[in-house]
C-alpha atoms as a PDB file:
ATOM      1  CA  UNK A   1      23.865  -6.888 -51.621  1.00  0.00           C
ATOM      2  CA  UNK A   2      23.220  -3.759 -53.152  1.00  0.00           C
ATOM      3  CA  UNK A   3      20.887  -1.054 -52.184  1.00  0.00           C
ATOM      4  CA  UNK A   4      19.535   1.925 -54.361  1.00  0.00           C
ATOM      5  CA  UNK A   5      17.744   4.483 -52.555  1.00  0.00           C
ATOM      6  CA  UNK A   6      17.013   8.550 -51.923  1.00  0.00           C
ATOM      7  CA  UNK A   7      18.072  10.285 -48.837  1.00  0.00           C
ATOM      8  CA  UNK A   8      15.760  13.020 -48.531  1.00  0.00           C
ATOM      9  CA  UNK A   9      15.958  16.519 -46.781  1.00  0.00           C
ATOM     10  CA  UNK A  10      13.162  14.880 -43.856  1.00  0.00           C
ATOM     11  CA  UNK A  11      15.468  11.626 -43.684  1.00  0.00           C
ATOM     12  CA  UNK A  12      18.170  14.046 -42.795  1.00  0.00           C
ATOM     13  CA  UNK A  13      16.413  16.029 -40.583  1.00  0.00           C
ATOM     14  CA  UNK A  14      14.931  12.673 -38.686  1.00  0.00           C
ATOM     15  CA  UNK A  15      18.563  11.346 -38.390  1.00  0.00           C
ATOM     16  CA  UNK A  16      19.429  14.792 -36.795  1.00  0.00           C
ATOM     17  CA  UNK A  17      16.803  14.508 -34.424  1.00  0.00           C
ATOM     18  CA  UNK A  18      17.535  10.814 -33.884  1.00  0.00           C
ATOM     19  CA  UNK A  19      20.754  11.286 -33.245  1.00  0.00           C
ATOM     20  CA  UNK A  20      20.549  14.153 -30.937  1.00  0.00           C
ATOM     21  CA  UNK A  21      17.861  12.309 -28.603  1.00  0.00           C
ATOM     22  CA  UNK A  22      20.035   9.146 -28.082  1.00  0.00           C
ATOM     23  CA  UNK A  23      23.647  10.299 -28.082  1.00  0.00           C
ATOM     24  CA  UNK A  24      25.293  10.760 -24.475  1.00  0.00           C
ATOM     25  CA  UNK A  25      26.498  14.547 -25.303  1.00  0.00           C
ATOM     26  CA  UNK A  26      22.793  15.232 -26.458  1.00  0.00           C
ATOM     27  CA  UNK A  27      20.934  13.835 -23.389  1.00  0.00           C
ATOM     28  CA  UNK A  28      23.411  15.312 -20.599  1.00  0.00           C
ATOM     29  CA  UNK A  29      23.150  19.024 -23.117  1.00  0.00           C
ATOM     30  CA  UNK A  30      19.435  18.883 -21.925  1.00  0.00           C
ATOM     31  CA  UNK A  31      19.622  17.910 -18.643  1.00  0.00           C
ATOM     32  CA  UNK A  32      22.207  20.745 -18.421  1.00  0.00           C
ATOM     33  CA  UNK A  33      20.089  23.319 -19.797  1.00  0.00           C
ATOM     34  CA  UNK A  34      17.243  22.181 -17.529  1.00  0.00           C
ATOM     35  CA  UNK A  35      19.473  22.459 -14.577  1.00  0.00           C
ATOM     36  CA  UNK A  36      20.885  25.915 -15.892  1.00  0.00           C
ATOM     37  CA  UNK A  37      17.282  27.091 -16.559  1.00  0.00           C
ATOM     38  CA  UNK A  38      16.161  26.544 -13.028  1.00  0.00           C
ATOM     39  CA  UNK A  39      19.047  27.682 -11.234  1.00  0.00           C
ATOM     40  CA  UNK A  40      18.399  30.960 -13.673  1.00  0.00           C
ATOM     41  CA  UNK A  41      14.734  31.310 -12.434  1.00  0.00           C
ATOM     42  CA  UNK A  42      16.080  31.597  -8.809  1.00  0.00           C
ATOM     43  CA  UNK A  43      19.000  33.719  -9.649  1.00  0.00           C
ATOM     44  CA  UNK A  44      16.635  36.140 -11.351  1.00  0.00           C
ATOM     45  CA  UNK A  45      14.462  36.333  -8.617  1.00  0.00           C
ATOM     46  CA  UNK A  46      17.011  36.450  -5.855  1.00  0.00           C
ATOM     47  CA  UNK A  47      18.379  39.383  -7.776  1.00  0.00           C
ATOM     48  CA  UNK A  48      14.908  41.074  -8.250  1.00  0.00           C
ATOM     49  CA  UNK A  49      13.568  40.534  -4.633  1.00  0.00           C
ATOM     50  CA  UNK A  50      16.804  40.296  -2.259  1.00  0.00           C
ATOM     51  CA  UNK A  51      15.280  36.723  -1.509  1.00  0.00           C
ATOM     52  CA  UNK A  52      13.943  33.261  -3.067  1.00  0.00           C
ATOM     53  CA  UNK A  53      10.161  33.714  -2.973  1.00  0.00           C
ATOM     54  CA  UNK A  54       7.638  31.346  -3.925  1.00  0.00           C
ATOM     55  CA  UNK A  55       7.356  33.056  -7.457  1.00  0.00           C
ATOM     56  CA  UNK A  56      10.065  30.842  -9.340  1.00  0.00           C
ATOM     57  CA  UNK A  57       8.859  27.946  -7.574  1.00  0.00           C
ATOM     58  CA  UNK A  58       5.368  28.644  -9.364  1.00  0.00           C
ATOM     59  CA  UNK A  59       7.082  29.680 -12.430  1.00  0.00           C
ATOM     60  CA  UNK A  60       8.950  26.658 -12.546  1.00  0.00           C
ATOM     61  CA  UNK A  61       6.190  24.399 -11.916  1.00  0.00           C
ATOM     62  CA  UNK A  62       4.283  26.068 -14.747  1.00  0.00           C
ATOM     63  CA  UNK A  63       7.326  25.923 -16.840  1.00  0.00           C
ATOM     64  CA  UNK A  64       8.293  21.991 -16.204  1.00  0.00           C
ATOM     65  CA  UNK A  65       4.157  21.136 -17.008  1.00  0.00           C
ATOM     66  CA  UNK A  66       5.259  22.851 -20.273  1.00  0.00           C
ATOM     67  CA  UNK A  67       8.399  21.203 -20.724  1.00  0.00           C
ATOM     68  CA  UNK A  68       7.053  17.577 -20.337  1.00  0.00           C
ATOM     69  CA  UNK A  69       4.093  18.401 -22.584  1.00  0.00           C
ATOM     70  CA  UNK A  70       5.431  20.122 -25.401  1.00  0.00           C
ATOM     71  CA  UNK A  71       9.256  20.297 -24.986  1.00  0.00           C
ATOM     72  CA  UNK A  72      10.349  17.324 -27.085  1.00  0.00           C
ATOM     73  CA  UNK A  73       8.072  18.669 -29.813  1.00  0.00           C
ATOM     74  CA  UNK A  74       9.486  22.073 -29.587  1.00  0.00           C
ATOM     75  CA  UNK A  75      12.928  21.150 -29.373  1.00  0.00           C
ATOM     76  CA  UNK A  76      12.256  18.661 -32.360  1.00  0.00           C
ATOM     77  CA  UNK A  77      10.820  21.451 -34.570  1.00  0.00           C
ATOM     78  CA  UNK A  78      13.706  24.032 -33.418  1.00  0.00           C
ATOM     79  CA  UNK A  79      16.393  21.324 -34.375  1.00  0.00           C
ATOM     80  CA  UNK A  80      14.709  20.452 -37.668  1.00  0.00           C
ATOM     81  CA  UNK A  81      14.499  24.335 -38.631  1.00  0.00           C
ATOM     82  CA  UNK A  82      18.353  24.818 -37.638  1.00  0.00           C
ATOM     83  CA  UNK A  83      19.080  21.274 -39.946  1.00  0.00           C
ATOM     84  CA  UNK A  84      17.082  23.460 -42.759  1.00  0.00           C
ATOM     85  CA  UNK A  85      18.919  26.514 -42.544  1.00  0.00           C
ATOM     86  CA  UNK A  86      22.395  24.169 -42.750  1.00  0.00           C
ATOM     87  CA  UNK A  87      21.357  22.400 -45.513  1.00  0.00           C
ATOM     88  CA  UNK A  88      20.361  25.763 -47.563  1.00  0.00           C
ATOM     89  CA  UNK A  89      24.057  27.234 -47.073  1.00  0.00           C
ATOM     90  CA  UNK A  90      25.567  25.580 -49.546  1.00  0.00           C
ATOM     91  CA  UNK A  91      25.075  24.311 -53.248  1.00  0.00           C
ATOM     92  CA  UNK A  92      26.217  20.474 -53.073  1.00  0.00           C
ATOM     93  CA  UNK A  93      24.271  18.801 -50.537  1.00  0.00           C
ATOM     94  CA  UNK A  94      26.494  15.721 -49.663  1.00  0.00           C
ATOM     95  CA  UNK A  95      24.204  14.725 -47.164  1.00  0.00           C
ATOM     96  CA  UNK A  96      20.346  13.939 -49.100  1.00  0.00           C
ATOM     97  CA  UNK A  97      19.990  12.628 -52.888  1.00  0.00           C
ATOM     98  CA  UNK A  98      20.129   9.008 -54.594  1.00  0.00           C
ATOM     99  CA  UNK A  99      22.361   6.532 -53.113  1.00  0.00           C
ATOM    100  CA  UNK A 100      23.956   3.181 -54.025  1.00  0.00           C
ATOM    101  CA  UNK A 101      25.276   1.418 -50.956  1.00  0.00           C
ATOM    102  CA  UNK A 102      26.872  -2.126 -51.601  1.00  0.00           C
ATOM    103  CA  UNK A 103      28.308  -4.403 -48.954  1.00  0.00           C
ATOM    104  CA  UNK A 104      31.357  -6.237 -50.646  1.00  0.00           C
ATOM    105  CA  UNK A 105      33.811  -8.911 -49.567  1.00  0.00           C
ATOM    106  CA  UNK A 106      35.851  -6.635 -47.347  1.00  0.00           C
ATOM    107  CA  UNK A 107      34.215  -2.843 -47.953  1.00  0.00           C
ATOM    108  CA  UNK A 108      31.166  -0.893 -47.793  1.00  0.00           C
ATOM    109  CA  UNK A 109      30.521   1.171 -50.747  1.00  0.00           C
ATOM    110  CA  UNK A 110      28.529   3.954 -50.570  1.00  0.00           C
ATOM    111  CA  UNK A 111      27.648   5.824 -53.939  1.00  0.00           C
ATOM    112  CA  UNK A 112      26.416   9.152 -53.900  1.00  0.00           C
ATOM    113  CA  UNK A 113      25.608  12.041 -56.342  1.00  0.00           C
ATOM    114  CA  UNK A 114      29.064  13.830 -55.552  1.00  0.00           C
ATOM    115  CA  UNK A 115      31.666  11.185 -54.472  1.00  0.00           C
ATOM    116  CA  UNK A 116      32.078   7.355 -53.798  1.00  0.00           C
ATOM    117  CA  UNK A 117      33.168   6.265 -50.174  1.00  0.00           C
ATOM    118  CA  UNK A 118      34.638   2.783 -49.307  1.00  0.00           C
ATOM    119  CA  UNK A 119      34.924   1.892 -45.627  1.00  0.00           C
ATOM    120  CA  UNK A 120      35.841  -1.148 -43.924  1.00  0.00           C
ATOM    121  CA  UNK A 121      33.168  -3.257 -41.822  1.00  0.00           C
ATOM    122  CA  UNK A 122      35.424  -2.375 -38.722  1.00  0.00           C
ATOM    123  CA  UNK A 123      34.698   0.845 -39.449  1.00  0.00           C
ATOM    124  CA  UNK A 124      31.099   0.268 -38.455  1.00  0.00           C
ATOM    125  CA  UNK A 125      30.416   1.204 -35.044  1.00  0.00           C
ATOM    126  CA  UNK A 126      26.622   1.039 -34.374  1.00  0.00           C
ATOM    127  CA  UNK A 127      23.446   0.317 -35.849  1.00  0.00           C
ATOM    128  CA  UNK A 128      20.278   1.719 -35.108  1.00  0.00           C
ATOM    129  CA  UNK A 129      16.968   2.563 -36.668  1.00  0.00           C
ATOM    130  CA  UNK A 130      13.772   4.556 -35.821  1.00  0.00           C
ATOM    131  CA  UNK A 131      10.076   4.024 -37.294  1.00  0.00           C
ATOM    132  CA  UNK A 132      11.599   4.524 -41.003  1.00  0.00           C
ATOM    133  CA  UNK A 133      15.154   4.291 -41.358  1.00  0.00           C
ATOM    134  CA  UNK A 134      17.954   2.387 -40.192  1.00  0.00           C
ATOM    135  CA  UNK A 135      21.352   4.075 -39.487  1.00  0.00           C
ATOM    136  CA  UNK A 136      24.812   2.471 -40.083  1.00  0.00           C
ATOM    137  CA  UNK A 137      27.031   4.558 -38.084  1.00  0.00           C
ATOM    138  CA  UNK A 138      30.705   4.750 -39.409  1.00  0.00           C
ATOM    139  CA  UNK A 139      31.798   7.334 -36.603  1.00  0.00           C
ATOM    140  CA  UNK A 140      30.580   9.008 -33.544  1.00  0.00           C
ATOM    141  CA  UNK A 141      28.467  11.349 -35.819  1.00  0.00           C
ATOM    142  CA  UNK A 142      28.480  10.282 -38.872  1.00  0.00           C
ATOM    143  CA  UNK A 143      25.709   7.410 -40.391  1.00  0.00           C
ATOM    144  CA  UNK A 144      24.394   5.905 -43.454  1.00  0.00           C
ATOM    145  CA  UNK A 145      20.818   6.989 -43.538  1.00  0.00           C
ATOM    146  CA  UNK A 146      19.166   3.773 -45.301  1.00  0.00           C
ATOM    147  CA  UNK A 147      14.660   4.514 -45.574  1.00  0.00           C
ATOM    148  CA  UNK A 148      13.086   1.500 -44.767  1.00  0.00           C
ATOM    149  CA  UNK A 149      11.706   1.593 -48.225  1.00  0.00           C
ATOM    150  CA  UNK A 150      15.460   0.742 -49.765  1.00  0.00           C
ATOM    151  CA  UNK A 151      14.602  -2.605 -48.940  1.00  0.00           C
ATOM    152  CA  UNK A 152      12.416  -4.755 -50.926  1.00  0.00           C
ATOM    153  CA  UNK A 153      11.108  -6.376 -47.950  1.00  0.00           C
ATOM    154  CA  UNK A 154      11.644  -7.514 -44.278  1.00  0.00           C
ATOM    155  CA  UNK A 155      13.737 -10.654 -45.165  1.00  0.00           C
ATOM    156  CA  UNK A 156      16.352  -8.532 -47.247  1.00  0.00           C
ATOM    157  CA  UNK A 157      16.718  -5.924 -44.268  1.00  0.00           C
ATOM    158  CA  UNK A 158      17.457  -8.748 -41.828  1.00  0.00           C
ATOM    159  CA  UNK A 159      19.906 -10.137 -44.606  1.00  0.00           C
ATOM    160  CA  UNK A 160      21.271  -7.039 -44.820  1.00  0.00           C
ATOM    161  CA  UNK A 161      21.514  -6.472 -40.792  1.00  0.00           C
ATOM    162  CA  UNK A 162      23.001 -10.077 -40.469  1.00  0.00           C
ATOM    163  CA  UNK A 163      25.414  -9.297 -43.002  1.00  0.00           C
ATOM    164  CA  UNK A 164      27.019  -6.339 -41.647  1.00  0.00           C
ATOM    165  CA  UNK A 165      26.765  -7.967 -37.881  1.00  0.00           C
ATOM    166  CA  UNK A 166      28.420 -10.905 -39.324  1.00  0.00           C
ATOM    167  CA  UNK A 167      31.292  -8.594 -40.667  1.00  0.00           C
ATOM    168  CA  UNK A 168      31.542  -6.015 -38.165  1.00  0.00           C
ATOM    169  CA  UNK A 169      33.996  -6.525 -35.293  1.00  0.00           C
ATOM    170  CA  UNK A 170      33.484  -3.170 -33.134  1.00  0.00           C
ATOM    171  CA  UNK A 171      29.484  -3.198 -33.624  1.00  0.00           C
ATOM    172  CA  UNK A 172      26.694  -2.529 -31.087  1.00  0.00           C
ATOM    173  CA  UNK A 173      23.346  -2.130 -31.548  1.00  0.00           C
ATOM    174  CA  UNK A 174      20.288  -0.145 -30.351  1.00  0.00           C
END
């Protein structure tokens, strides 16, 4: 099976957001951030007033309301901004551009504009997807990004996934 497609900057940004939101590390970092923020509010109040008053509780309640209403959208925008900045730092962008992915007898071949890589099926660790893309993880933070538009139809996509599942020994799916 052979797929030819283009990975856009937006595809890469959405992958970065998807990975951050769905990784154990990303979830842990968000929880730690909130705990530190809450502790910081109480600590700041104590330093300023010599005691803990209702002010940080009120502030915390307001902040939590804002966070739960707008937090996900805000950190997604911030993460997208950071990824765009990182992509603009180099001249050769290996993360976006034209791709050809082939499922061969014993390996997966990815042909990009900069290089060609072949990995054994055993390297595939996980299959995941969002609303517009399939991700074939070949490492903890490395994945082939395949827009659904690369597949002619749902049957081709199912055949692709079935082939990967059959040939990949270490595979987990989301």
